[in-house]
């Protein structure tokens, strides 16, 4: 049982070290962003994150208005 636990911890530690190689070795290194708005390829395709799309839709004049009627509620 202890051997299995020790082996599992060792495998996880090796995986974490390999994931952090860029951060550890490179001076001022950091993980790159995985957000859509930071990706040049997504910007070139005109793809935005859902928050930006929602903001654009809400600011668009003549769009669907959000209102509540007592008859429909």
PDB file of N, CA and C in Angstrom:
ATOM      1  N   UNK A   1       0.826  -1.191   0.000  1.00  0.00           N
ATOM      2  CA  UNK A   1       0.000   0.000   0.000  1.00  0.00           C
ATOM      3  C   UNK A   1       0.875   1.261   0.000  1.00  0.00           C
ATOM      4  N   UNK A   2       1.882   1.333   0.860  1.00  0.00           N
ATOM      5  CA  UNK A   2       2.753   2.501   0.919  1.00  0.00           C
ATOM      6  C   UNK A   2       3.554   2.662  -0.354  1.00  0.00           C
ATOM      7  N   UNK A   3       3.898   1.549  -0.969  1.00  0.00           N
ATOM      8  CA  UNK A   3       4.664   1.612  -2.210  1.00  0.00           C
ATOM      9  C   UNK A   3       3.822   2.241  -3.319  1.00  0.00           C
ATOM     10  N   UNK A   4       2.559   1.862  -3.370  1.00  0.00           N
ATOM     11  CA  UNK A   4       1.648   2.418  -4.371  1.00  0.00           C
ATOM     12  C   UNK A   4       1.448   3.911  -4.138  1.00  0.00           C
ATOM     13  N   UNK A   5       1.269   4.311  -2.900  1.00  0.00           N
ATOM     14  CA  UNK A   5       1.087   5.717  -2.573  1.00  0.00           C
ATOM     15  C   UNK A   5       2.335   6.525  -2.916  1.00  0.00           C
ATOM     16  N   UNK A   6       3.503   5.991  -2.554  1.00  0.00           N
ATOM     17  CA  UNK A   6       4.759   6.670  -2.857  1.00  0.00           C
ATOM     18  C   UNK A   6       4.985   6.786  -4.365  1.00  0.00           C
ATOM     19  N   UNK A   7       4.677   5.731  -5.102  1.00  0.00           N
ATOM     20  CA  UNK A   7       4.810   5.758  -6.560  1.00  0.00           C
ATOM     21  C   UNK A   7       3.862   6.786  -7.177  1.00  0.00           C
ATOM     22  N   UNK A   8       2.649   6.865  -6.662  1.00  0.00           N
ATOM     23  CA  UNK A   8       1.669   7.841  -7.174  1.00  0.00           C
ATOM     24  C   UNK A   8       2.140   9.272  -6.936  1.00  0.00           C
ATOM     25  N   UNK A   9       2.645   9.538  -5.738  1.00  0.00           N
ATOM     26  CA  UNK A   9       3.136  10.878  -5.414  1.00  0.00           C
ATOM     27  C   UNK A   9       4.335  11.221  -6.286  1.00  0.00           C
ATOM     28  N   UNK A  10       5.205  10.260  -6.519  1.00  0.00           N
ATOM     29  CA  UNK A  10       6.374  10.477  -7.364  1.00  0.00           C
ATOM     30  C   UNK A  10       5.967  10.795  -8.804  1.00  0.00           C
ATOM     31  N   UNK A  11       5.010  10.075  -9.343  1.00  0.00           N
ATOM     32  CA  UNK A  11       4.532  10.320 -10.709  1.00  0.00           C
ATOM     33  C   UNK A  11       3.903  11.707 -10.822  1.00  0.00           C
ATOM     34  N   UNK A  12       3.114  12.083  -9.821  1.00  0.00           N
ATOM     35  CA  UNK A  12       2.485  13.411  -9.843  1.00  0.00           C
ATOM     36  C   UNK A  12       3.540  14.511  -9.741  1.00  0.00           C
ATOM     37  N   UNK A  13       4.557  14.309  -8.903  1.00  0.00           N
ATOM     38  CA  UNK A  13       5.623  15.300  -8.761  1.00  0.00           C
ATOM     39  C   UNK A  13       6.405  15.457 -10.062  1.00  0.00           C
ATOM     40  N   UNK A  14       6.690  14.371 -10.741  1.00  0.00           N
ATOM     41  CA  UNK A  14       7.405  14.430 -12.020  1.00  0.00           C
ATOM     42  C   UNK A  14       6.553  15.160 -13.065  1.00  0.00           C
ATOM     43  N   UNK A  15       5.262  14.861 -13.096  1.00  0.00           N
ATOM     44  CA  UNK A  15       4.368  15.519 -14.057  1.00  0.00           C
ATOM     45  C   UNK A  15       4.303  17.027 -13.800  1.00  0.00           C
ATOM     46  N   UNK A  16       4.200  17.431 -12.542  1.00  0.00           N
ATOM     47  CA  UNK A  16       4.159  18.857 -12.214  1.00  0.00           C
ATOM     48  C   UNK A  16       5.466  19.543 -12.589  1.00  0.00           C
ATOM     49  N   UNK A  17       6.591  18.870 -12.361  1.00  0.00           N
ATOM     50  CA  UNK A  17       7.889  19.449 -12.715  1.00  0.00           C
ATOM     51  C   UNK A  17       8.008  19.621 -14.225  1.00  0.00           C
ATOM     52  N   UNK A  18       7.541  18.647 -14.981  1.00  0.00           N
ATOM     53  CA  UNK A  18       7.611  18.752 -16.442  1.00  0.00           C
ATOM     54  C   UNK A  18       6.692  19.850 -16.969  1.00  0.00           C
ATOM     55  N   UNK A  19       5.540  20.034 -16.340  1.00  0.00           N
ATOM     56  CA  UNK A  19       4.633  21.103 -16.753  1.00  0.00           C
ATOM     57  C   UNK A  19       5.218  22.489 -16.455  1.00  0.00           C
ATOM     58  N   UNK A  20       6.028  22.573 -15.420  1.00  0.00           N
ATOM     59  CA  UNK A  20       6.555  23.864 -14.995  1.00  0.00           C
ATOM     60  C   UNK A  20       7.969  24.136 -15.500  1.00  0.00           C
ATOM     61  N   UNK A  21       8.482  23.351 -16.441  1.00  0.00           N
ATOM     62  CA  UNK A  21       9.850  23.530 -16.936  1.00  0.00           C
ATOM     63  C   UNK A  21      10.065  24.942 -17.460  1.00  0.00           C
ATOM     64  N   UNK A  22       9.139  25.452 -18.241  1.00  0.00           N
ATOM     65  CA  UNK A  22       9.275  26.790 -18.821  1.00  0.00           C
ATOM     66  C   UNK A  22       9.321  27.860 -17.731  1.00  0.00           C
ATOM     67  N   UNK A  23       8.524  27.685 -16.705  1.00  0.00           N
ATOM     68  CA  UNK A  23       8.468  28.666 -15.634  1.00  0.00           C
ATOM     69  C   UNK A  23       9.724  28.602 -14.776  1.00  0.00           C
ATOM     70  N   UNK A  24      10.218  27.407 -14.540  1.00  0.00           N
ATOM     71  CA  UNK A  24      11.375  27.242 -13.667  1.00  0.00           C
ATOM     72  C   UNK A  24      12.665  27.664 -14.359  1.00  0.00           C
ATOM     73  N   UNK A  25      12.885  27.247 -15.579  1.00  0.00           N
ATOM     74  CA  UNK A  25      14.154  27.471 -16.268  1.00  0.00           C
ATOM     75  C   UNK A  25      14.265  28.879 -16.823  1.00  0.00           C
ATOM     76  N   UNK A  26      13.242  29.360 -17.479  1.00  0.00           N
ATOM     77  CA  UNK A  26      13.294  30.660 -18.138  1.00  0.00           C
ATOM     78  C   UNK A  26      13.165  31.791 -17.126  1.00  0.00           C
ATOM     79  N   UNK A  27      14.036  32.770 -17.241  1.00  0.00           N
ATOM     80  CA  UNK A  27      13.971  33.917 -16.343  1.00  0.00           C
ATOM     81  C   UNK A  27      12.739  34.741 -16.661  1.00  0.00           C
ATOM     82  N   UNK A  28      11.943  34.994 -15.659  1.00  0.00           N
ATOM     83  CA  UNK A  28      10.700  35.731 -15.858  1.00  0.00           C
ATOM     84  C   UNK A  28       9.665  34.890 -16.594  1.00  0.00           C
ATOM     85  N   UNK A  29       9.842  33.593 -16.592  1.00  0.00           N
ATOM     86  CA  UNK A  29       8.926  32.702 -17.302  1.00  0.00           C
ATOM     87  C   UNK A  29       7.573  32.613 -16.621  1.00  0.00           C
ATOM     88  N   UNK A  30       6.561  32.358 -17.403  1.00  0.00           N
ATOM     89  CA  UNK A  30       5.215  32.194 -16.872  1.00  0.00           C
ATOM     90  C   UNK A  30       4.421  31.355 -17.847  1.00  0.00           C
ATOM     91  N   UNK A  31       3.330  30.809 -17.379  1.00  0.00           N
ATOM     92  CA  UNK A  31       2.471  30.028 -18.241  1.00  0.00           C
ATOM     93  C   UNK A  31       1.768  30.954 -19.220  1.00  0.00           C
ATOM     94  N   UNK A  32       1.603  30.516 -20.438  1.00  0.00           N
ATOM     95  CA  UNK A  32       0.896  31.327 -21.421  1.00  0.00           C
ATOM     96  C   UNK A  32      -0.602  31.284 -21.137  1.00  0.00           C
ATOM     97  N   UNK A  33      -1.291  32.304 -21.569  1.00  0.00           N
ATOM     98  CA  UNK A  33      -2.719  32.413 -21.325  1.00  0.00           C
ATOM     99  C   UNK A  33      -3.491  31.497 -22.255  1.00  0.00           C
ATOM    100  N   UNK A  34      -4.537  30.897 -21.730  1.00  0.00           N
ATOM    101  CA  UNK A  34      -5.392  30.024 -22.528  1.00  0.00           C
ATOM    102  C   UNK A  34      -6.735  30.675 -22.834  1.00  0.00           C
ATOM    103  N   UNK A  35      -6.862  31.973 -22.536  1.00  0.00           N
ATOM    104  CA  UNK A  35      -8.112  32.657 -22.806  1.00  0.00           C
ATOM    105  C   UNK A  35      -8.233  32.964 -24.302  1.00  0.00           C
ATOM    106  N   UNK A  36      -9.441  32.938 -24.794  1.00  0.00           N
ATOM    107  CA  UNK A  36      -9.689  33.159 -26.215  1.00  0.00           C
ATOM    108  C   UNK A  36      -9.262  34.564 -26.631  1.00  0.00           C
ATOM    109  N   UNK A  37      -9.502  35.558 -25.789  1.00  0.00           N
ATOM    110  CA  UNK A  37      -9.185  36.932 -26.185  1.00  0.00           C
ATOM    111  C   UNK A  37      -7.682  37.189 -26.243  1.00  0.00           C
ATOM    112  N   UNK A  38      -6.858  36.285 -25.735  1.00  0.00           N
ATOM    113  CA  UNK A  38      -5.405  36.443 -25.806  1.00  0.00           C
ATOM    114  C   UNK A  38      -4.780  35.687 -26.975  1.00  0.00           C
ATOM    115  N   UNK A  39      -5.565  34.932 -27.713  1.00  0.00           N
ATOM    116  CA  UNK A  39      -5.050  34.107 -28.798  1.00  0.00           C
ATOM    117  C   UNK A  39      -5.074  34.873 -30.117  1.00  0.00           C
ATOM    118  N   UNK A  40      -3.903  34.991 -30.758  1.00  0.00           N
ATOM    119  CA  UNK A  40      -3.817  35.692 -32.037  1.00  0.00           C
ATOM    120  C   UNK A  40      -4.603  34.956 -33.128  1.00  0.00           C
ATOM    121  N   UNK A  41      -4.552  33.632 -33.115  1.00  0.00           N
ATOM    122  CA  UNK A  41      -5.275  32.857 -34.122  1.00  0.00           C
ATOM    123  C   UNK A  41      -6.780  33.074 -34.023  1.00  0.00           C
ATOM    124  N   UNK A  42      -7.305  33.166 -32.817  1.00  0.00           N
ATOM    125  CA  UNK A  42      -8.742  33.405 -32.643  1.00  0.00           C
ATOM    126  C   UNK A  42      -9.107  34.819 -33.073  1.00  0.00           C
ATOM    127  N   UNK A  43      -8.228  35.783 -32.775  1.00  0.00           N
ATOM    128  CA  UNK A  43      -8.488  37.159 -33.203  1.00  0.00           C
ATOM    129  C   UNK A  43      -8.507  37.260 -34.723  1.00  0.00           C
ATOM    130  N   UNK A  44      -7.586  36.542 -35.390  1.00  0.00           N
ATOM    131  CA  UNK A  44      -7.539  36.555 -36.854  1.00  0.00           C
ATOM    132  C   UNK A  44      -8.814  35.978 -37.458  1.00  0.00           C
ATOM    133  N   UNK A  45      -9.426  35.038 -36.778  1.00  0.00           N
ATOM    134  CA  UNK A  45     -10.671  34.427 -37.273  1.00  0.00           C
ATOM    135  C   UNK A  45     -11.908  35.209 -36.863  1.00  0.00           C
ATOM    136  N   UNK A  46     -11.735  36.218 -36.023  1.00  0.00           N
ATOM    137  CA  UNK A  46     -12.863  37.030 -35.576  1.00  0.00           C
ATOM    138  C   UNK A  46     -13.665  36.379 -34.471  1.00  0.00           C
ATOM    139  N   UNK A  47     -13.055  35.467 -33.742  1.00  0.00           N
ATOM    140  CA  UNK A  47     -13.740  34.763 -32.660  1.00  0.00           C
ATOM    141  C   UNK A  47     -13.438  35.482 -31.353  1.00  0.00           C
ATOM    142  N   UNK A  48     -14.480  35.808 -30.617  1.00  0.00           N
ATOM    143  CA  UNK A  48     -14.341  36.498 -29.336  1.00  0.00           C
ATOM    144  C   UNK A  48     -14.833  35.592 -28.224  1.00  0.00           C
ATOM    145  N   UNK A  49     -14.486  35.958 -26.991  1.00  0.00           N
ATOM    146  CA  UNK A  49     -14.996  35.195 -25.863  1.00  0.00           C
ATOM    147  C   UNK A  49     -16.464  35.552 -25.640  1.00  0.00           C
ATOM    148  N   UNK A  50     -17.170  34.732 -24.920  1.00  0.00           N
ATOM    149  CA  UNK A  50     -18.603  34.911 -24.740  1.00  0.00           C
ATOM    150  C   UNK A  50     -18.917  36.206 -23.992  1.00  0.00           C
ATOM    151  N   UNK A  51     -18.040  36.646 -23.123  1.00  0.00           N
ATOM    152  CA  UNK A  51     -18.272  37.891 -22.389  1.00  0.00           C
ATOM    153  C   UNK A  51     -18.245  39.077 -23.352  1.00  0.00           C
ATOM    154  N   UNK A  52     -17.280  39.095 -24.277  1.00  0.00           N
ATOM    155  CA  UNK A  52     -17.218  40.169 -25.269  1.00  0.00           C
ATOM    156  C   UNK A  52     -18.420  40.119 -26.207  1.00  0.00           C
ATOM    157  N   UNK A  53     -18.821  38.920 -26.611  1.00  0.00           N
ATOM    158  CA  UNK A  53     -19.972  38.790 -27.495  1.00  0.00           C
ATOM    159  C   UNK A  53     -21.239  39.262 -26.798  1.00  0.00           C
ATOM    160  N   UNK A  54     -21.381  38.946 -25.518  1.00  0.00           N
ATOM    161  CA  UNK A  54     -22.554  39.387 -24.772  1.00  0.00           C
ATOM    162  C   UNK A  54     -22.568  40.902 -24.634  1.00  0.00           C
ATOM    163  N   UNK A  55     -21.412  41.502 -24.364  1.00  0.00           N
ATOM    164  CA  UNK A  55     -21.312  42.953 -24.245  1.00  0.00           C
ATOM    165  C   UNK A  55     -21.683  43.626 -25.562  1.00  0.00           C
ATOM    166  N   UNK A  56     -21.197  43.079 -26.684  1.00  0.00           N
ATOM    167  CA  UNK A  56     -21.521  43.643 -27.991  1.00  0.00           C
ATOM    168  C   UNK A  56     -23.012  43.529 -28.287  1.00  0.00           C
ATOM    169  N   UNK A  57     -23.609  42.408 -27.928  1.00  0.00           N
ATOM    170  CA  UNK A  57     -25.032  42.207 -28.181  1.00  0.00           C
ATOM    171  C   UNK A  57     -25.882  43.156 -27.342  1.00  0.00           C
ATOM    172  N   UNK A  58     -25.473  43.399 -26.105  1.00  0.00           N
ATOM    173  CA  UNK A  58     -26.242  44.299 -25.250  1.00  0.00           C
ATOM    174  C   UNK A  58     -26.100  45.760 -25.672  1.00  0.00           C
ATOM    175  N   UNK A  59     -24.958  46.129 -26.238  1.00  0.00           N
ATOM    176  CA  UNK A  59     -24.736  47.504 -26.671  1.00  0.00           C
ATOM    177  C   UNK A  59     -25.270  47.772 -28.063  1.00  0.00           C
ATOM    178  N   UNK A  60     -25.640  46.744 -28.803  1.00  0.00           N
ATOM    179  CA  UNK A  60     -26.137  46.886 -30.171  1.00  0.00           C
ATOM    180  C   UNK A  60     -27.522  47.528 -30.149  1.00  0.00           C
ATOM    181  N   UNK A  61     -27.665  48.604 -30.898  1.00  0.00           N
ATOM    182  CA  UNK A  61     -28.946  49.314 -30.952  1.00  0.00           C
ATOM    183  C   UNK A  61     -29.926  48.545 -31.832  1.00  0.00           C
ATOM    184  N   UNK A  62     -31.174  48.521 -31.409  1.00  0.00           N
ATOM    185  CA  UNK A  62     -32.212  47.875 -32.201  1.00  0.00           C
ATOM    186  C   UNK A  62     -32.273  46.366 -32.006  1.00  0.00           C
ATOM    187  N   UNK A  63     -31.575  45.859 -31.035  1.00  0.00           N
ATOM    188  CA  UNK A  63     -31.583  44.428 -30.757  1.00  0.00           C
ATOM    189  C   UNK A  63     -32.819  44.028 -29.980  1.00  0.00           C
ATOM    190  N   UNK A  64     -32.822  42.859 -29.491  1.00  0.00           N
ATOM    191  CA  UNK A  64     -33.928  42.352 -28.701  1.00  0.00           C
ATOM    192  C   UNK A  64     -33.875  43.008 -27.333  1.00  0.00           C
ATOM    193  N   UNK A  65     -34.992  43.558 -26.923  1.00  0.00           N
ATOM    194  CA  UNK A  65     -35.022  44.198 -25.609  1.00  0.00           C
ATOM    195  C   UNK A  65     -35.477  43.183 -24.572  1.00  0.00           C
ATOM    196  N   UNK A  66     -34.979  43.366 -23.381  1.00  0.00           N
ATOM    197  CA  UNK A  66     -35.376  42.495 -22.288  1.00  0.00           C
ATOM    198  C   UNK A  66     -36.403  43.229 -21.454  1.00  0.00           C
ATOM    199  N   UNK A  67     -37.610  42.745 -21.468  1.00  0.00           N
ATOM    200  CA  UNK A  67     -38.636  43.359 -20.662  1.00  0.00           C
ATOM    201  C   UNK A  67     -39.569  42.270 -20.131  1.00  0.00           C
ATOM    202  N   UNK A  68     -40.213  42.570 -19.089  1.00  0.00           N
ATOM    203  CA  UNK A  68     -41.147  41.613 -18.518  1.00  0.00           C
ATOM    204  C   UNK A  68     -42.536  42.204 -18.540  1.00  0.00           C
ATOM    205  N   UNK A  69     -43.463  41.427 -18.979  1.00  0.00           N
ATOM    206  CA  UNK A  69     -44.863  41.806 -18.944  1.00  0.00           C
ATOM    207  C   UNK A  69     -45.558  40.989 -17.877  1.00  0.00           C
ATOM    208  N   UNK A  70     -46.492  41.594 -17.208  1.00  0.00           N
ATOM    209  CA  UNK A  70     -47.210  40.854 -16.177  1.00  0.00           C
ATOM    210  C   UNK A  70     -48.092  39.776 -16.824  1.00  0.00           C
ATOM    211  N   UNK A  71     -48.443  39.966 -18.106  1.00  0.00           N
ATOM    212  CA  UNK A  71     -49.292  38.987 -18.799  1.00  0.00           C
ATOM    213  C   UNK A  71     -48.485  37.736 -19.180  1.00  0.00           C
ATOM    214  N   UNK A  72     -47.205  37.894 -19.460  1.00  0.00           N
ATOM    215  CA  UNK A  72     -46.416  36.756 -19.877  1.00  0.00           C
ATOM    216  C   UNK A  72     -45.761  36.039 -18.706  1.00  0.00           C
ATOM    217  N   UNK A  73     -45.770  36.670 -17.553  1.00  0.00           N
ATOM    218  CA  UNK A  73     -45.089  36.072 -16.393  1.00  0.00           C
ATOM    219  C   UNK A  73     -45.968  35.161 -15.663  1.00  0.00           C
TER     220      UNK A  73
END
